Amino acid sequence: QAQTQSKLEHVQDKYDNLLEEHKLLQERLESMQEDNSKLHINNARLLMKLETEARLAMQSNMKSNHNDDKS
């Protein structure tokens, strides 16, 4: 019975350690997911800005070419 009790305590200690490790990993995962979300939003904003600038540059280029054709 003492041997069984010792094994049970050992298994409980392992379980407690795994629960603590799981908690830490869960917190880390949540933090990484939050960072990922922020980066995703920032990338989307940068992409929209880049697309807007590309459109403006194309419009400017078209106007320039049009004005050159008139000259």
PDB file of N, CA and C in Angstrom:
ATOM      1  N   GLN A   1       0.830  -1.201   0.000  1.00  0.00           N
ATOM      2  CA  GLN A   1       0.000   0.000   0.000  1.00  0.00           C
ATOM      3  C   GLN A   1       0.875   1.267   0.000  1.00  0.00           C
ATOM      4  N   ALA A   2       1.978   1.218   0.726  1.00  0.00           N
ATOM      5  CA  ALA A   2       2.883   2.362   0.770  1.00  0.00           C
ATOM      6  C   ALA A   2       3.466   2.626  -0.612  1.00  0.00           C
ATOM      7  N   GLN A   3       3.761   1.565  -1.336  1.00  0.00           N
ATOM      8  CA  GLN A   3       4.319   1.712  -2.687  1.00  0.00           C
ATOM      9  C   GLN A   3       3.277   2.337  -3.621  1.00  0.00           C
ATOM     10  N   THR A   4       2.049   1.908  -3.510  1.00  0.00           N
ATOM     11  CA  THR A   4       0.974   2.467  -4.323  1.00  0.00           C
ATOM     12  C   THR A   4       0.758   3.939  -3.983  1.00  0.00           C
ATOM     13  N   GLN A   5       0.813   4.254  -2.705  1.00  0.00           N
ATOM     14  CA  GLN A   5       0.657   5.642  -2.260  1.00  0.00           C
ATOM     15  C   GLN A   5       1.782   6.510  -2.820  1.00  0.00           C
ATOM     16  N   SER A   6       2.989   5.994  -2.812  1.00  0.00           N
ATOM     17  CA  SER A   6       4.148   6.712  -3.340  1.00  0.00           C
ATOM     18  C   SER A   6       3.988   6.956  -4.838  1.00  0.00           C
ATOM     19  N   LYS A   7       3.530   5.941  -5.555  1.00  0.00           N
ATOM     20  CA  LYS A   7       3.312   6.092  -7.000  1.00  0.00           C
ATOM     21  C   LYS A   7       2.228   7.128  -7.281  1.00  0.00           C
ATOM     22  N   LEU A   8       1.172   7.074  -6.489  1.00  0.00           N
ATOM     23  CA  LEU A   8       0.088   8.035  -6.653  1.00  0.00           C
ATOM     24  C   LEU A   8       0.586   9.461  -6.434  1.00  0.00           C
ATOM     25  N   GLU A   9       1.366   9.673  -5.408  1.00  0.00           N
ATOM     26  CA  GLU A   9       1.910  11.012  -5.146  1.00  0.00           C
ATOM     27  C   GLU A   9       2.806  11.467  -6.288  1.00  0.00           C
ATOM     28  N   HIS A  10       3.594  10.540  -6.811  1.00  0.00           N
ATOM     29  CA  HIS A  10       4.485  10.863  -7.925  1.00  0.00           C
ATOM     30  C   HIS A  10       3.666  11.271  -9.158  1.00  0.00           C
ATOM     31  N   VAL A  11       2.617  10.499  -9.437  1.00  0.00           N
ATOM     32  CA  VAL A  11       1.767  10.800 -10.584  1.00  0.00           C
ATOM     33  C   VAL A  11       1.041  12.139 -10.371  1.00  0.00           C
ATOM     34  N   GLN A  12       0.599  12.406  -9.150  1.00  0.00           N
ATOM     35  CA  GLN A  12      -0.057  13.680  -8.862  1.00  0.00           C
ATOM     36  C   GLN A  12       0.908  14.849  -9.045  1.00  0.00           C
ATOM     37  N   ASP A  13       2.148  14.680  -8.619  1.00  0.00           N
ATOM     38  CA  ASP A  13       3.159  15.726  -8.812  1.00  0.00           C
ATOM     39  C   ASP A  13       3.387  15.982 -10.301  1.00  0.00           C
ATOM     40  N   LYS A  14       3.487  14.893 -11.069  1.00  0.00           N
ATOM     41  CA  LYS A  14       3.655  15.047 -12.514  1.00  0.00           C
ATOM     42  C   LYS A  14       2.464  15.782 -13.119  1.00  0.00           C
ATOM     43  N   TYR A  15       1.269  15.398 -12.687  1.00  0.00           N
ATOM     44  CA  TYR A  15       0.056  16.027 -13.193  1.00  0.00           C
ATOM     45  C   TYR A  15       0.041  17.522 -12.859  1.00  0.00           C
ATOM     46  N   ASP A  16       0.393  17.866 -11.629  1.00  0.00           N
ATOM     47  CA  ASP A  16       0.436  19.280 -11.224  1.00  0.00           C
ATOM     48  C   ASP A  16       1.448  20.062 -12.061  1.00  0.00           C
ATOM     49  N   ASN A  17       2.595  19.442 -12.307  1.00  0.00           N
ATOM     50  CA  ASN A  17       3.618  20.097 -13.130  1.00  0.00           C
ATOM     51  C   ASN A  17       3.122  20.294 -14.560  1.00  0.00           C
ATOM     52  N   LEU A  18       2.452  19.290 -15.094  1.00  0.00           N
ATOM     53  CA  LEU A  18       1.917  19.409 -16.447  1.00  0.00           C
ATOM     54  C   LEU A  18       0.827  20.478 -16.522  1.00  0.00           C
ATOM     55  N   LEU A  19       0.002  20.558 -15.495  1.00  0.00           N
ATOM     56  CA  LEU A  19      -1.027  21.604 -15.471  1.00  0.00           C
ATOM     57  C   LEU A  19      -0.395  22.994 -15.465  1.00  0.00           C
ATOM     58  N   GLU A  20       0.652  23.166 -14.680  1.00  0.00           N
ATOM     59  CA  GLU A  20       1.338  24.455 -14.623  1.00  0.00           C
ATOM     60  C   GLU A  20       1.994  24.778 -15.969  1.00  0.00           C
ATOM     61  N   GLU A  21       2.635  23.774 -16.557  1.00  0.00           N
ATOM     62  CA  GLU A  21       3.255  23.968 -17.873  1.00  0.00           C
ATOM     63  C   GLU A  21       2.190  24.310 -18.918  1.00  0.00           C
ATOM     64  N   HIS A  22       1.064  23.633 -18.858  1.00  0.00           N
ATOM     65  CA  HIS A  22      -0.029  23.910 -19.784  1.00  0.00           C
ATOM     66  C   HIS A  22      -0.524  25.346 -19.621  1.00  0.00           C
ATOM     67  N   LYS A  23      -0.654  25.786 -18.391  1.00  0.00           N
ATOM     68  CA  LYS A  23      -1.104  27.156 -18.126  1.00  0.00           C
ATOM     69  C   LYS A  23      -0.133  28.170 -18.731  1.00  0.00           C
ATOM     70  N   LEU A  24       1.152  27.942 -18.533  1.00  0.00           N
ATOM     71  CA  LEU A  24       2.162  28.851 -19.091  1.00  0.00           C
ATOM     72  C   LEU A  24       2.130  28.846 -20.614  1.00  0.00           C
ATOM     73  N   LEU A  25       2.001  27.658 -21.198  1.00  0.00           N
ATOM     74  CA  LEU A  25       1.944  27.563 -22.657  1.00  0.00           C
ATOM     75  C   LEU A  25       0.674  28.203 -23.207  1.00  0.00           C
ATOM     76  N   GLN A  26      -0.426  28.063 -22.478  1.00  0.00           N
ATOM     77  CA  GLN A  26      -1.681  28.680 -22.899  1.00  0.00           C
ATOM     78  C   GLN A  26      -1.549  30.199 -22.909  1.00  0.00           C
ATOM     79  N   GLU A  27      -0.923  30.746 -21.867  1.00  0.00           N
ATOM     80  CA  GLU A  27      -0.708  32.195 -21.803  1.00  0.00           C
ATOM     81  C   GLU A  27       0.200  32.657 -22.937  1.00  0.00           C
ATOM     82  N   ARG A  28       1.234  31.864 -23.205  1.00  0.00           N
ATOM     83  CA  ARG A  28       2.156  32.195 -24.295  1.00  0.00           C
ATOM     84  C   ARG A  28       1.430  32.163 -25.639  1.00  0.00           C
ATOM     85  N   LEU A  29       0.599  31.150 -25.842  1.00  0.00           N
ATOM     86  CA  LEU A  29      -0.176  31.034 -27.074  1.00  0.00           C
ATOM     87  C   LEU A  29      -1.091  32.241 -27.247  1.00  0.00           C
ATOM     88  N   GLU A  30      -1.784  32.620 -26.187  1.00  0.00           N
ATOM     89  CA  GLU A  30      -2.692  33.764 -26.270  1.00  0.00           C
ATOM     90  C   GLU A  30      -1.935  35.047 -26.610  1.00  0.00           C
ATOM     91  N   SER A  31      -0.760  35.207 -26.018  1.00  0.00           N
ATOM     92  CA  SER A  31       0.068  36.378 -26.306  1.00  0.00           C
ATOM     93  C   SER A  31       0.517  36.380 -27.763  1.00  0.00           C
ATOM     94  N   MET A  32       0.931  35.222 -28.250  1.00  0.00           N
ATOM     95  CA  MET A  32       1.371  35.122 -29.642  1.00  0.00           C
ATOM     96  C   MET A  32       0.201  35.354 -30.599  1.00  0.00           C
ATOM     97  N   GLN A  33      -0.978  34.867 -30.249  1.00  0.00           N
ATOM     98  CA  GLN A  33      -2.147  35.085 -31.092  1.00  0.00           C
ATOM     99  C   GLN A  33      -2.505  36.571 -31.145  1.00  0.00           C
ATOM    100  N   GLU A  34      -2.365  37.252 -30.008  1.00  0.00           N
ATOM    101  CA  GLU A  34      -2.627  38.691 -29.969  1.00  0.00           C
ATOM    102  C   GLU A  34      -1.619  39.441 -30.836  1.00  0.00           C
ATOM    103  N   ASP A  35      -0.344  39.078 -30.706  1.00  0.00           N
ATOM    104  CA  ASP A  35       0.694  39.702 -31.537  1.00  0.00           C
ATOM    105  C   ASP A  35       0.431  39.434 -33.016  1.00  0.00           C
ATOM    106  N   ASN A  36       0.053  38.213 -33.338  1.00  0.00           N
ATOM    107  CA  ASN A  36      -0.229  37.840 -34.721  1.00  0.00           C
ATOM    108  C   ASN A  36      -1.383  38.671 -35.272  1.00  0.00           C
ATOM    109  N   SER A  37      -2.397  38.860 -34.461  1.00  0.00           N
ATOM    110  CA  SER A  37      -3.548  39.653 -34.887  1.00  0.00           C
ATOM    111  C   SER A  37      -3.130  41.099 -35.161  1.00  0.00           C
ATOM    112  N   LYS A  38      -2.316  41.663 -34.279  1.00  0.00           N
ATOM    113  CA  LYS A  38      -1.838  43.042 -34.477  1.00  0.00           C
ATOM    114  C   LYS A  38      -1.018  43.145 -35.762  1.00  0.00           C
ATOM    115  N   LEU A  39      -0.151  42.162 -35.994  1.00  0.00           N
ATOM    116  CA  LEU A  39       0.669  42.174 -37.210  1.00  0.00           C
ATOM    117  C   LEU A  39      -0.198  42.028 -38.454  1.00  0.00           C
ATOM    118  N   HIS A  40      -1.212  41.186 -38.367  1.00  0.00           N
ATOM    119  CA  HIS A  40      -2.122  40.997 -39.500  1.00  0.00           C
ATOM    120  C   HIS A  40      -2.825  42.312 -39.846  1.00  0.00           C
ATOM    121  N   ILE A  41      -3.308  43.015 -38.827  1.00  0.00           N
ATOM    122  CA  ILE A  41      -3.979  44.302 -39.045  1.00  0.00           C
ATOM    123  C   ILE A  41      -3.004  45.313 -39.633  1.00  0.00           C
ATOM    124  N   ASN A  42      -1.790  45.353 -39.093  1.00  0.00           N
ATOM    125  CA  ASN A  42      -0.786  46.289 -39.590  1.00  0.00           C
ATOM    126  C   ASN A  42      -0.426  45.984 -41.042  1.00  0.00           C
ATOM    127  N   ASN A  43      -0.280  44.701 -41.367  1.00  0.00           N
ATOM    128  CA  ASN A  43       0.023  44.320 -42.745  1.00  0.00           C
ATOM    129  C   ASN A  43      -1.106  44.726 -43.686  1.00  0.00           C
ATOM    130  N   ALA A  44      -2.344  44.542 -43.252  1.00  0.00           N
ATOM    131  CA  ALA A  44      -3.485  44.917 -44.088  1.00  0.00           C
ATOM    132  C   ALA A  44      -3.478  46.424 -44.343  1.00  0.00           C
ATOM    133  N   ARG A  45      -3.178  47.201 -43.314  1.00  0.00           N
ATOM    134  CA  ARG A  45      -3.114  48.664 -43.475  1.00  0.00           C
ATOM    135  C   ARG A  45      -2.005  49.061 -44.442  1.00  0.00           C
ATOM    136  N   LEU A  46      -0.842  48.433 -44.279  1.00  0.00           N
ATOM    137  CA  LEU A  46       0.285  48.741 -45.173  1.00  0.00           C
ATOM    138  C   LEU A  46      -0.035  48.356 -46.613  1.00  0.00           C
ATOM    139  N   LEU A  47      -0.695  47.230 -46.794  1.00  0.00           N
ATOM    140  CA  LEU A  47      -1.063  46.804 -48.137  1.00  0.00           C
ATOM    141  C   LEU A  47      -2.042  47.791 -48.773  1.00  0.00           C
ATOM    142  N   MET A  48      -3.028  48.249 -47.996  1.00  0.00           N
ATOM    143  CA  MET A  48      -3.974  49.231 -48.519  1.00  0.00           C
ATOM    144  C   MET A  48      -3.247  50.520 -48.901  1.00  0.00           C
ATOM    145  N   LYS A  49      -2.304  50.934 -48.064  1.00  0.00           N
ATOM    146  CA  LYS A  49      -1.537  52.151 -48.351  1.00  0.00           C
ATOM    147  C   LYS A  49      -0.713  51.968 -49.628  1.00  0.00           C
ATOM    148  N   LEU A  50      -0.083  50.825 -49.761  1.00  0.00           N
ATOM    149  CA  LEU A  50       0.722  50.543 -50.946  1.00  0.00           C
ATOM    150  C   LEU A  50      -0.145  50.524 -52.201  1.00  0.00           C
ATOM    151  N   GLU A  51      -1.308  49.895 -52.107  1.00  0.00           N
ATOM    152  CA  GLU A  51      -2.209  49.853 -53.264  1.00  0.00           C
ATOM    153  C   GLU A  51      -2.690  51.246 -53.642  1.00  0.00           C
ATOM    154  N   THR A  52      -2.986  52.073 -52.654  1.00  0.00           N
ATOM    155  CA  THR A  52      -3.422  53.450 -52.914  1.00  0.00           C
ATOM    156  C   THR A  52      -2.308  54.236 -53.593  1.00  0.00           C
ATOM    157  N   GLU A  53      -1.091  54.108 -53.073  1.00  0.00           N
ATOM    158  CA  GLU A  53       0.043  54.820 -53.664  1.00  0.00           C
ATOM    159  C   GLU A  53       0.308  54.332 -55.089  1.00  0.00           C
ATOM    160  N   ALA A  54       0.157  53.052 -55.325  1.00  0.00           N
ATOM    161  CA  ALA A  54       0.369  52.513 -56.677  1.00  0.00           C
ATOM    162  C   ALA A  54      -0.684  53.067 -57.636  1.00  0.00           C
ATOM    163  N   ARG A  55      -1.938  53.139 -57.173  1.00  0.00           N
ATOM    164  CA  ARG A  55      -3.001  53.708 -58.018  1.00  0.00           C
ATOM    165  C   ARG A  55      -2.721  55.173 -58.336  1.00  0.00           C
ATOM    166  N   LEU A  56      -2.317  55.923 -57.312  1.00  0.00           N
ATOM    167  CA  LEU A  56      -2.018  57.350 -57.523  1.00  0.00           C
ATOM    168  C   LEU A  56      -0.848  57.521 -58.487  1.00  0.00           C
ATOM    169  N   ALA A  57       0.160  56.680 -58.355  1.00  0.00           N
ATOM    170  CA  ALA A  57       1.319  56.760 -59.243  1.00  0.00           C
ATOM    171  C   ALA A  57       0.908  56.422 -60.672  1.00  0.00           C
ATOM    172  N   MET A  58       0.043  55.428 -60.830  1.00  0.00           N
ATOM    173  CA  MET A  58      -0.406  55.057 -62.170  1.00  0.00           C
ATOM    174  C   MET A  58      -1.231  56.190 -62.777  1.00  0.00           C
ATOM    175  N   GLN A  59      -2.099  56.809 -61.982  1.00  0.00           N
ATOM    176  CA  GLN A  59      -2.906  57.921 -62.488  1.00  0.00           C
ATOM    177  C   GLN A  59      -2.020  59.093 -62.879  1.00  0.00           C
ATOM    178  N   SER A  60      -1.025  59.362 -62.048  1.00  0.00           N
ATOM    179  CA  SER A  60      -0.098  60.450 -62.344  1.00  0.00           C
ATOM    180  C   SER A  60       0.678  60.155 -63.621  1.00  0.00           C
ATOM    181  N   ASN A  61       1.099  58.922 -63.783  1.00  0.00           N
ATOM    182  CA  ASN A  61       1.841  58.510 -64.969  1.00  0.00           C
ATOM    183  C   ASN A  61       0.960  58.620 -66.214  1.00  0.00           C
ATOM    184  N   MET A  62      -0.307  58.219 -66.084  1.00  0.00           N
ATOM    185  CA  MET A  62      -1.219  58.304 -67.229  1.00  0.00           C
ATOM    186  C   MET A  62      -1.448  59.766 -67.626  1.00  0.00           C
ATOM    187  N   LYS A  63      -1.599  60.654 -66.623  1.00  0.00           N
ATOM    188  CA  LYS A  63      -1.781  62.075 -66.923  1.00  0.00           C
ATOM    189  C   LYS A  63      -0.549  62.659 -67.605  1.00  0.00           C
ATOM    190  N   SER A  64       0.623  62.229 -67.093  1.00  0.00           N
ATOM    191  CA  SER A  64       1.880  62.703 -67.666  1.00  0.00           C
ATOM    192  C   SER A  64       2.019  62.253 -69.120  1.00  0.00           C
ATOM    193  N   ASN A  65       1.693  60.979 -69.357  1.00  0.00           N
ATOM    194  CA  ASN A  65       1.761  60.468 -70.741  1.00  0.00           C
ATOM    195  C   ASN A  65       0.748  61.173 -71.630  1.00  0.00           C
ATOM    196  N   HIS A  66      -0.413  61.449 -71.122  1.00  0.00           N
ATOM    197  CA  HIS A  66      -1.452  62.130 -71.880  1.00  0.00           C
ATOM    198  C   HIS A  66      -1.007  63.557 -72.245  1.00  0.00           C
ATOM    199  N   ASN A  67      -0.402  64.225 -71.258  1.00  0.00           N
ATOM    200  CA  ASN A  67       0.095  65.591 -71.506  1.00  0.00           C
ATOM    201  C   ASN A  67       1.255  65.571 -72.492  1.00  0.00           C
ATOM    202  N   ASP A  68       2.089  64.553 -72.453  1.00  0.00           N
ATOM    203  CA  ASP A  68       3.201  64.441 -73.399  1.00  0.00           C
ATOM    204  C   ASP A  68       2.684  64.228 -74.827  1.00  0.00           C
ATOM    205  N   ASP A  69       1.586  63.474 -74.936  1.00  0.00           N
ATOM    206  CA  ASP A  69       1.002  63.217 -76.268  1.00  0.00           C
ATOM    207  C   ASP A  69       0.447  64.496 -76.873  1.00  0.00           C
ATOM    208  N   LYS A  70      -0.046  65.399 -76.034  1.00  0.00           N
ATOM    209  CA  LYS A  70      -0.603  66.675 -76.538  1.00  0.00           C
ATOM    210  C   LYS A  70       0.509  67.601 -77.020  1.00  0.00           C
ATOM    211  N   SER A  71       1.682  67.450 -76.445  1.00  0.00           N
ATOM    212  CA  SER A  71       2.772  68.387 -76.789  1.00  0.00           C
ATOM    213  C   SER A  71       3.373  68.123 -78.130  1.00  0.00           C
TER     214      SER A  71
END
